[in-house]
Amino acid sequence: MADSDSDSERQAREQIAAAEEAEARDRVSGMASLFDLRMVIGGLLALYGVTLTVMGLFASEDAKAKAAGININLWAGLVILAGGAIFLAWVVLRPLRAEDLQDTDTDRPRAE
């Protein structure tokens, strides 16, 4: 009878350990995509790029004359918008994985 109890306890501990490991893995992968700095940078660049591009499309001749005849808002907006698109494409094409985060975090002790 005691052998049966120890087997069931061992199986229960293994199941609990497997469930905790799966939960931790899911939590880390969710946090990785939630706090991806590339997404923040890409979004802000895209927002500023759209703003400058729209300003450049409706720029007056007086504003163009101040920049030696170049519509600087339009060109700067397009370049910044392209930079934002590159960052956002990078997020989509190479998403962060939990393994990448665990390998780089060497300062913290691992939870056992």
N, C-alpha and C. Protein backbone atom coordinates (compact mmCIF):
# COMPACT_ATOMS: atom_id res chain seq x y z
N MET A 1 0.83 -1.20 0.00
CA MET A 1 0.00 0.00 0.00
C MET A 1 0.87 1.26 0.00
N ALA A 2 1.95 1.26 0.78
CA ALA A 2 2.83 2.42 0.86
C ALA A 2 3.52 2.66 -0.47
N ASP A 3 3.82 1.58 -1.21
CA ASP A 3 4.46 1.71 -2.52
C ASP A 3 3.52 2.38 -3.52
N SER A 4 2.24 2.05 -3.42
CA SER A 4 1.23 2.65 -4.29
C SER A 4 1.07 4.14 -4.00
N ASP A 5 1.13 4.53 -2.73
CA ASP A 5 1.04 5.93 -2.35
C ASP A 5 2.23 6.72 -2.87
N SER A 6 3.42 6.15 -2.78
CA SER A 6 4.61 6.88 -3.24
C SER A 6 4.60 7.02 -4.76
N ASP A 7 4.08 6.01 -5.48
CA ASP A 7 3.96 6.13 -6.94
C ASP A 7 2.98 7.23 -7.33
N SER A 8 1.85 7.27 -6.66
CA SER A 8 0.85 8.29 -6.98
C SER A 8 1.36 9.69 -6.62
N GLU A 9 2.10 9.80 -5.51
CA GLU A 9 2.68 11.09 -5.13
C GLU A 9 3.73 11.53 -6.15
N ARG A 10 4.54 10.58 -6.60
CA ARG A 10 5.57 10.89 -7.59
C ARG A 10 4.92 11.35 -8.90
N GLN A 11 3.89 10.66 -9.33
CA GLN A 11 3.19 11.04 -10.55
C GLN A 11 2.54 12.41 -10.41
N ALA A 12 1.97 12.67 -9.26
CA ALA A 12 1.35 13.97 -9.02
C ALA A 12 2.39 15.08 -9.07
N ARG A 13 3.55 14.85 -8.46
CA ARG A 13 4.63 15.86 -8.49
C ARG A 13 5.11 16.10 -9.92
N GLU A 14 5.24 15.03 -10.70
CA GLU A 14 5.67 15.18 -12.09
C GLU A 14 4.66 15.96 -12.91
N GLN A 15 3.38 15.70 -12.69
CA GLN A 15 2.34 16.43 -13.40
C GLN A 15 2.32 17.90 -13.01
N ILE A 16 2.50 18.17 -11.74
CA ILE A 16 2.54 19.56 -11.27
C ILE A 16 3.75 20.28 -11.86
N ALA A 17 4.90 19.62 -11.86
CA ALA A 17 6.11 20.23 -12.41
C ALA A 17 5.94 20.50 -13.90
N ALA A 18 5.35 19.57 -14.63
CA ALA A 18 5.14 19.76 -16.07
C ALA A 18 4.17 20.92 -16.33
N ALA A 19 3.11 21.00 -15.52
CA ALA A 19 2.14 22.09 -15.69
C ALA A 19 2.77 23.45 -15.38
N GLU A 20 3.58 23.52 -14.32
CA GLU A 20 4.23 24.78 -13.98
C GLU A 20 5.23 25.20 -15.05
N GLU A 21 5.94 24.24 -15.62
CA GLU A 21 6.91 24.54 -16.67
C GLU A 21 6.19 25.07 -17.92
N ALA A 22 5.08 24.43 -18.29
CA ALA A 22 4.32 24.89 -19.45
C ALA A 22 3.74 26.29 -19.21
N GLU A 23 3.26 26.55 -18.01
CA GLU A 23 2.72 27.86 -17.67
C GLU A 23 3.80 28.93 -17.74
N ALA A 24 4.98 28.63 -17.23
CA ALA A 24 6.08 29.59 -17.26
C ALA A 24 6.51 29.88 -18.70
N ARG A 25 6.54 28.84 -19.53
CA ARG A 25 6.92 28.99 -20.92
C ARG A 25 5.91 29.88 -21.65
N ASP A 26 4.63 29.65 -21.41
CA ASP A 26 3.60 30.47 -22.04
C ASP A 26 3.67 31.91 -21.58
N ARG A 27 3.93 32.12 -20.30
CA ARG A 27 4.02 33.47 -19.74
C ARG A 27 5.18 34.23 -20.36
N VAL A 28 6.34 33.58 -20.49
CA VAL A 28 7.51 34.25 -21.05
C VAL A 28 7.30 34.59 -22.52
N SER A 29 6.72 33.67 -23.28
CA SER A 29 6.51 33.95 -24.70
C SER A 29 5.49 35.07 -24.90
N GLY A 30 4.47 35.13 -24.06
CA GLY A 30 3.49 36.22 -24.15
C GLY A 30 4.09 37.55 -23.79
N MET A 31 4.92 37.59 -22.77
CA MET A 31 5.56 38.83 -22.35
C MET A 31 6.56 39.30 -23.41
N ALA A 32 7.20 38.37 -24.09
CA ALA A 32 8.17 38.75 -25.11
C ALA A 32 7.51 39.52 -26.23
N SER A 33 6.36 39.06 -26.69
CA SER A 33 5.70 39.77 -27.77
C SER A 33 5.03 41.05 -27.28
N LEU A 34 4.62 41.08 -26.03
CA LEU A 34 3.94 42.24 -25.49
C LEU A 34 4.89 43.43 -25.34
N PHE A 35 6.10 43.20 -24.91
CA PHE A 35 7.05 44.28 -24.64
C PHE A 35 8.19 44.32 -25.65
N ASP A 36 7.90 44.06 -26.90
CA ASP A 36 8.92 44.10 -27.93
C ASP A 36 9.19 45.56 -28.29
N LEU A 37 10.38 46.03 -28.01
CA LEU A 37 10.74 47.43 -28.23
C LEU A 37 10.70 47.81 -29.71
N ARG A 38 10.94 46.85 -30.59
CA ARG A 38 10.89 47.13 -32.02
C ARG A 38 9.49 47.59 -32.44
N MET A 39 8.48 47.03 -31.79
CA MET A 39 7.09 47.40 -32.11
C MET A 39 6.83 48.85 -31.71
N VAL A 40 7.32 49.25 -30.56
CA VAL A 40 7.12 50.63 -30.09
C VAL A 40 7.85 51.62 -31.00
N ILE A 41 9.10 51.31 -31.32
CA ILE A 41 9.88 52.20 -32.17
C ILE A 41 9.27 52.29 -33.56
N GLY A 42 8.89 51.15 -34.13
CA GLY A 42 8.28 51.14 -35.45
C GLY A 42 6.96 51.89 -35.49
N GLY A 43 6.16 51.72 -34.46
CA GLY A 43 4.88 52.43 -34.41
C GLY A 43 5.05 53.93 -34.32
N LEU A 44 5.98 54.36 -33.48
CA LEU A 44 6.21 55.81 -33.35
C LEU A 44 6.79 56.41 -34.63
N LEU A 45 7.74 55.70 -35.24
CA LEU A 45 8.29 56.20 -36.51
C LEU A 45 7.21 56.28 -37.58
N ALA A 46 6.36 55.27 -37.64
CA ALA A 46 5.28 55.29 -38.62
C ALA A 46 4.33 56.45 -38.37
N LEU A 47 3.99 56.69 -37.12
CA LEU A 47 3.10 57.80 -36.77
C LEU A 47 3.71 59.14 -37.17
N TYR A 48 4.98 59.35 -36.80
CA TYR A 48 5.64 60.61 -37.16
C TYR A 48 5.81 60.73 -38.67
N GLY A 49 6.08 59.62 -39.33
CA GLY A 49 6.24 59.64 -40.79
C GLY A 49 4.95 60.01 -41.50
N VAL A 50 3.84 59.45 -41.04
CA VAL A 50 2.55 59.79 -41.64
C VAL A 50 2.23 61.26 -41.40
N THR A 51 2.51 61.74 -40.20
CA THR A 51 2.23 63.15 -39.89
C THR A 51 3.03 64.08 -40.79
N LEU A 52 4.33 63.81 -40.92
CA LEU A 52 5.16 64.68 -41.77
C LEU A 52 4.78 64.55 -43.24
N THR A 53 4.44 63.37 -43.69
CA THR A 53 4.05 63.19 -45.09
C THR A 53 2.78 63.97 -45.40
N VAL A 54 1.81 63.91 -44.51
CA VAL A 54 0.56 64.67 -44.72
C VAL A 54 0.86 66.17 -44.70
N MET A 55 1.71 66.59 -43.78
CA MET A 55 2.08 68.01 -43.75
C MET A 55 2.79 68.41 -45.04
N GLY A 56 3.63 67.52 -45.56
CA GLY A 56 4.33 67.81 -46.80
C GLY A 56 3.41 67.85 -48.01
N LEU A 57 2.37 67.03 -48.01
CA LEU A 57 1.43 67.04 -49.13
C LEU A 57 0.65 68.35 -49.20
N PHE A 58 0.41 68.97 -48.07
CA PHE A 58 -0.36 70.21 -48.03
C PHE A 58 0.51 71.42 -47.70
N ALA A 59 1.80 71.33 -47.99
CA ALA A 59 2.72 72.44 -47.68
C ALA A 59 2.50 73.61 -48.65
N SER A 60 2.67 74.80 -48.12
CA SER A 60 2.52 75.99 -48.96
C SER A 60 3.81 76.26 -49.73
N GLU A 61 3.69 77.09 -50.73
CA GLU A 61 4.87 77.45 -51.53
C GLU A 61 5.88 78.23 -50.68
N ASP A 62 5.38 78.96 -49.70
CA ASP A 62 6.25 79.72 -48.80
C ASP A 62 7.12 78.78 -47.97
N ALA A 63 6.54 77.68 -47.50
CA ALA A 63 7.30 76.71 -46.71
C ALA A 63 8.34 76.01 -47.58
N LYS A 64 8.01 75.75 -48.82
CA LYS A 64 8.97 75.12 -49.74
C LYS A 64 10.13 76.08 -50.06
N ALA A 65 9.82 77.35 -50.17
CA ALA A 65 10.85 78.34 -50.49
C ALA A 65 11.86 78.46 -49.35
N LYS A 66 11.42 78.27 -48.12
CA LYS A 66 12.34 78.33 -46.98
C LYS A 66 13.36 77.20 -47.01
N ALA A 67 13.03 76.09 -47.67
CA ALA A 67 13.92 74.93 -47.73
C ALA A 67 14.55 74.80 -49.11
N ALA A 68 14.85 75.90 -49.75
CA ALA A 68 15.50 75.95 -51.06
C ALA A 68 14.69 75.22 -52.12
N GLY A 69 13.37 75.30 -52.04
CA GLY A 69 12.50 74.71 -53.05
C GLY A 69 12.22 73.23 -52.87
N ILE A 70 12.75 72.65 -51.82
CA ILE A 70 12.54 71.22 -51.56
C ILE A 70 11.42 71.07 -50.53
N ASN A 71 10.51 70.19 -50.79
CA ASN A 71 9.44 69.91 -49.83
C ASN A 71 10.00 68.97 -48.76
N ILE A 72 10.68 69.55 -47.79
CA ILE A 72 11.43 68.78 -46.80
C ILE A 72 10.52 67.94 -45.92
N ASN A 73 9.32 68.44 -45.61
CA ASN A 73 8.40 67.65 -44.79
C ASN A 73 7.98 66.38 -45.51
N LEU A 74 7.72 66.47 -46.78
CA LEU A 74 7.31 65.30 -47.56
C LEU A 74 8.43 64.27 -47.62
N TRP A 75 9.63 64.70 -47.96
CA TRP A 75 10.74 63.75 -48.09
C TRP A 75 11.15 63.15 -46.74
N ALA A 76 11.21 63.99 -45.72
CA ALA A 76 11.55 63.47 -44.39
C ALA A 76 10.47 62.52 -43.89
N GLY A 77 9.21 62.84 -44.15
CA GLY A 77 8.11 61.97 -43.75
C GLY A 77 8.18 60.62 -44.43
N LEU A 78 8.50 60.61 -45.71
CA LEU A 78 8.60 59.35 -46.44
C LEU A 78 9.76 58.49 -45.93
N VAL A 79 10.87 59.14 -45.63
CA VAL A 79 12.03 58.39 -45.12
C VAL A 79 11.73 57.82 -43.72
N ILE A 80 11.14 58.62 -42.87
CA ILE A 80 10.80 58.15 -41.52
C ILE A 80 9.73 57.06 -41.58
N LEU A 81 8.77 57.21 -42.49
CA LEU A 81 7.74 56.19 -42.68
C LEU A 81 8.37 54.88 -43.15
N ALA A 82 9.35 54.96 -44.03
CA ALA A 82 10.05 53.75 -44.48
C ALA A 82 10.80 53.10 -43.31
N GLY A 83 11.41 53.91 -42.46
CA GLY A 83 12.10 53.36 -41.28
C GLY A 83 11.13 52.66 -40.34
N GLY A 84 9.97 53.25 -40.13
CA GLY A 84 8.95 52.60 -39.30
C GLY A 84 8.47 51.30 -39.90
N ALA A 85 8.31 51.29 -41.22
CA ALA A 85 7.87 50.06 -41.90
C ALA A 85 8.93 48.96 -41.77
N ILE A 86 10.19 49.34 -41.80
CA ILE A 86 11.27 48.35 -41.63
C ILE A 86 11.21 47.74 -40.24
N PHE A 87 11.04 48.57 -39.22
CA PHE A 87 10.95 48.05 -37.85
C PHE A 87 9.75 47.13 -37.68
N LEU A 88 8.59 47.54 -38.21
CA LEU A 88 7.39 46.72 -38.07
C LEU A 88 7.52 45.42 -38.86
N ALA A 89 8.15 45.46 -40.03
CA ALA A 89 8.38 44.22 -40.78
C ALA A 89 9.33 43.31 -40.03
N TRP A 90 10.32 43.88 -39.36
CA TRP A 90 11.26 43.10 -38.56
C TRP A 90 10.53 42.34 -37.45
N VAL A 91 9.57 43.00 -36.82
CA VAL A 91 8.79 42.36 -35.76
C VAL A 91 8.02 41.17 -36.32
N VAL A 92 7.43 41.35 -37.49
CA VAL A 92 6.61 40.30 -38.07
C VAL A 92 7.47 39.15 -38.58
N LEU A 93 8.58 39.48 -39.22
CA LEU A 93 9.42 38.44 -39.84
C LEU A 93 10.29 37.69 -38.85
N ARG A 94 10.73 38.34 -37.78
CA ARG A 94 11.57 37.69 -36.77
C ARG A 94 11.02 37.95 -35.38
N PRO A 95 9.92 37.31 -35.01
CA PRO A 95 9.35 37.54 -33.67
C PRO A 95 10.27 36.99 -32.58
N LEU A 96 10.18 37.58 -31.40
CA LEU A 96 10.97 37.11 -30.28
C LEU A 96 10.46 35.77 -29.82
N ARG A 97 11.38 34.91 -29.41
CA ARG A 97 11.01 33.61 -28.86
C ARG A 97 11.45 33.56 -27.41
N ALA A 98 10.80 32.73 -26.64
CA ALA A 98 11.13 32.61 -25.22
C ALA A 98 12.56 32.11 -25.04
N GLU A 99 13.03 31.25 -25.93
CA GLU A 99 14.40 30.73 -25.81
C GLU A 99 15.43 31.84 -25.96
N ASP A 100 15.14 32.83 -26.83
CA ASP A 100 16.07 33.94 -27.00
C ASP A 100 16.20 34.75 -25.72
N LEU A 101 15.09 34.96 -25.03
CA LEU A 101 15.12 35.73 -23.80
C LEU A 101 15.82 34.98 -22.68
N GLN A 102 15.62 33.68 -22.59
CA GLN A 102 16.22 32.91 -21.52
C GLN A 102 17.73 32.81 -21.68
N ASP A 103 18.22 32.73 -22.91
CA ASP A 103 19.66 32.61 -23.14
C ASP A 103 20.41 33.90 -22.82
N THR A 104 19.79 35.05 -23.03
CA THR A 104 20.49 36.32 -22.83
C THR A 104 20.43 36.79 -21.39
N ASP A 105 19.55 36.26 -20.59
CA ASP A 105 19.38 36.70 -19.20
C ASP A 105 20.27 35.88 -18.29
N THR A 106 21.58 36.21 -18.27
CA THR A 106 22.54 35.42 -17.51
C THR A 106 22.78 35.98 -16.11
N ASP A 107 22.32 37.20 -15.85
CA ASP A 107 22.58 37.82 -14.55
C ASP A 107 21.70 37.24 -13.44
N ARG A 108 20.52 36.78 -13.79
CA ARG A 108 19.59 36.29 -12.80
C ARG A 108 19.76 34.79 -12.60
N PRO A 109 19.64 34.35 -11.37
CA PRO A 109 19.70 32.90 -11.14
C PRO A 109 18.43 32.25 -11.67
N ARG A 110 18.57 31.02 -12.16
CA ARG A 110 17.42 30.30 -12.68
C ARG A 110 16.58 29.71 -11.56
N ALA A 111 15.28 29.77 -11.71
CA ALA A 111 14.38 29.18 -10.72
C ALA A 111 14.31 27.69 -10.96
N GLU A 112 14.48 26.94 -9.94
CA GLU A 112 14.46 25.47 -10.07
C GLU A 112 13.17 24.93 -9.55
